[in-house]
Amino acid sequence: MKKNKGMLILFLLLGWLAGTWIAEALEPVKAVSFLTASTPIKWSPSADLDIIIYDINLELHFSLLSLLGIIAAIWLYRRL
């Protein structure tokens, strides 16, 4: 099977999503709170160019489990 960038991006997003879902499911367990703690990364570009005004808000949340999901996705992608 031929590997392409679109498939890699899909694997990365699904791994990130799976890791985030697992982190949310384990959030009530205090013993693994270091794995479920989320760190947001925010980016808000905006401009007023007289004819076009834009304001974009992008916020990404990372936890150790979501990063482990991304790593697992890369491993699975390479196994294809």
C-alpha atoms as a PDB file:
ATOM      1  CA  MET A   1       0.000   0.000   0.000  1.00  0.00           C
ATOM      2  CA  LYS A   2       1.336   3.414  -0.943  1.00  0.00           C
ATOM      3  CA  LYS A   3       1.724   5.775   2.000  1.00  0.00           C
ATOM      4  CA  ASN A   4       0.778   9.410   1.570  1.00  0.00           C
ATOM      5  CA  LYS A   5       0.702  12.562   3.700  1.00  0.00           C
ATOM      6  CA  GLY A   6      -3.081  12.631   3.907  1.00  0.00           C
ATOM      7  CA  MET A   7      -3.138   9.190   5.510  1.00  0.00           C
ATOM      8  CA  LEU A   8      -0.421  10.235   7.977  1.00  0.00           C
ATOM      9  CA  ILE A   9      -2.411  13.328   8.984  1.00  0.00           C
ATOM     10  CA  LEU A  10      -5.525  11.189   9.432  1.00  0.00           C
ATOM     11  CA  PHE A  11      -3.600   8.735  11.641  1.00  0.00           C
ATOM     12  CA  LEU A  12      -2.164  11.615  13.705  1.00  0.00           C
ATOM     13  CA  LEU A  13      -5.578  13.202  14.244  1.00  0.00           C
ATOM     14  CA  LEU A  14      -7.195   9.890  15.167  1.00  0.00           C
ATOM     15  CA  GLY A  15      -4.346   9.054  17.575  1.00  0.00           C
ATOM     16  CA  TRP A  16      -4.612  12.488  19.185  1.00  0.00           C
ATOM     17  CA  LEU A  17      -8.373  12.107  19.481  1.00  0.00           C
ATOM     18  CA  ALA A  18      -8.137   8.597  20.945  1.00  0.00           C
ATOM     19  CA  GLY A  19      -5.540   9.728  23.500  1.00  0.00           C
ATOM     20  CA  THR A  20      -7.709  12.692  24.472  1.00  0.00           C
ATOM     21  CA  TRP A  21     -10.781  10.476  24.917  1.00  0.00           C
ATOM     22  CA  ILE A  22      -8.812   8.087  27.123  1.00  0.00           C
ATOM     23  CA  ALA A  23      -7.509  11.045  29.156  1.00  0.00           C
ATOM     24  CA  GLU A  24     -11.053  12.346  29.655  1.00  0.00           C
ATOM     25  CA  ALA A  25     -12.263   8.880  30.707  1.00  0.00           C
ATOM     26  CA  LEU A  26      -9.431   8.567  33.245  1.00  0.00           C
ATOM     27  CA  GLU A  27      -9.759  12.129  34.571  1.00  0.00           C
ATOM     28  CA  PRO A  28     -11.609  11.087  37.786  1.00  0.00           C
ATOM     29  CA  VAL A  29      -8.744   8.716  38.726  1.00  0.00           C
ATOM     30  CA  LYS A  30      -6.374  10.757  40.910  1.00  0.00           C
ATOM     31  CA  ALA A  31      -3.465   8.281  40.587  1.00  0.00           C
ATOM     32  CA  VAL A  32      -3.032   9.080  36.866  1.00  0.00           C
ATOM     33  CA  SER A  33      -3.669  12.828  37.031  1.00  0.00           C
ATOM     34  CA  PHE A  34      -0.193  13.503  35.580  1.00  0.00           C
ATOM     35  CA  LEU A  35      -1.262  11.665  32.398  1.00  0.00           C
ATOM     36  CA  THR A  36      -4.611  13.437  32.069  1.00  0.00           C
ATOM     37  CA  ALA A  37      -3.549  17.029  32.842  1.00  0.00           C
ATOM     38  CA  SER A  38      -4.088  19.099  29.701  1.00  0.00           C
ATOM     39  CA  THR A  39      -1.978  22.026  28.521  1.00  0.00           C
ATOM     40  CA  PRO A  40      -3.632  24.441  26.086  1.00  0.00           C
ATOM     41  CA  ILE A  41      -1.726  26.111  23.264  1.00  0.00           C
ATOM     42  CA  LYS A  42      -3.512  29.201  21.954  1.00  0.00           C
ATOM     43  CA  TRP A  43      -2.979  31.182  18.748  1.00  0.00           C
ATOM     44  CA  SER A  44      -5.172  34.144  17.793  1.00  0.00           C
ATOM     45  CA  PRO A  45      -4.086  35.929  14.620  1.00  0.00           C
ATOM     46  CA  SER A  46      -6.156  38.924  13.578  1.00  0.00           C
ATOM     47  CA  ALA A  47      -5.890  41.849  11.188  1.00  0.00           C
ATOM     48  CA  ASP A  48      -7.843  44.863  10.009  1.00  0.00           C
ATOM     49  CA  LEU A  49      -6.873  45.597   6.397  1.00  0.00           C
ATOM     50  CA  ASP A  50      -9.705  48.097   5.700  1.00  0.00           C
ATOM     51  CA  ILE A  51     -11.384  45.795   3.155  1.00  0.00           C
ATOM     52  CA  ILE A  52     -10.893  42.538   5.060  1.00  0.00           C
ATOM     53  CA  ILE A  53     -11.063  42.005   8.787  1.00  0.00           C
ATOM     54  CA  TYR A  54     -10.313  38.611  10.274  1.00  0.00           C
ATOM     55  CA  ASP A  55      -9.983  37.178  13.740  1.00  0.00           C
ATOM     56  CA  ILE A  56      -9.080  33.506  14.098  1.00  0.00           C
ATOM     57  CA  ASN A  57      -8.903  31.660  17.416  1.00  0.00           C
ATOM     58  CA  LEU A  58      -7.127  28.320  17.500  1.00  0.00           C
ATOM     59  CA  GLU A  59      -6.694  26.392  20.737  1.00  0.00           C
ATOM     60  CA  LEU A  60      -5.005  22.983  20.980  1.00  0.00           C
ATOM     61  CA  HIS A  61      -5.041  20.852  24.130  1.00  0.00           C
ATOM     62  CA  PHE A  62      -2.241  18.372  24.770  1.00  0.00           C
ATOM     63  CA  SER A  63      -1.861  15.835  27.551  1.00  0.00           C
ATOM     64  CA  LEU A  64       0.608  13.005  27.986  1.00  0.00           C
ATOM     65  CA  LEU A  65      -2.033  10.497  26.918  1.00  0.00           C
ATOM     66  CA  SER A  66      -2.829  12.461  23.758  1.00  0.00           C
ATOM     67  CA  LEU A  67       0.892  12.554  22.936  1.00  0.00           C
ATOM     68  CA  LEU A  68       1.064   8.788  23.531  1.00  0.00           C
ATOM     69  CA  GLY A  69      -1.877   8.426  21.133  1.00  0.00           C
ATOM     70  CA  ILE A  70       0.024  10.422  18.506  1.00  0.00           C
ATOM     71  CA  ILE A  71       3.122   8.266  19.007  1.00  0.00           C
ATOM     72  CA  ALA A  72       1.019   5.099  18.679  1.00  0.00           C
ATOM     73  CA  ALA A  73      -0.537   6.494  15.497  1.00  0.00           C
ATOM     74  CA  ILE A  74       2.899   7.122  13.990  1.00  0.00           C
ATOM     75  CA  TRP A  75       3.958   3.592  14.934  1.00  0.00           C
ATOM     76  CA  LEU A  76       0.820   2.115  13.331  1.00  0.00           C
ATOM     77  CA  TYR A  77       1.317   4.240  10.210  1.00  0.00           C
ATOM     78  CA  ARG A  78       4.890   3.005   9.821  1.00  0.00           C
ATOM     79  CA  ARG A  79       3.687  -0.612  10.208  1.00  0.00           C
ATOM     80  CA  LEU A  80       1.422  -0.275   7.153  1.00  0.00           C
END
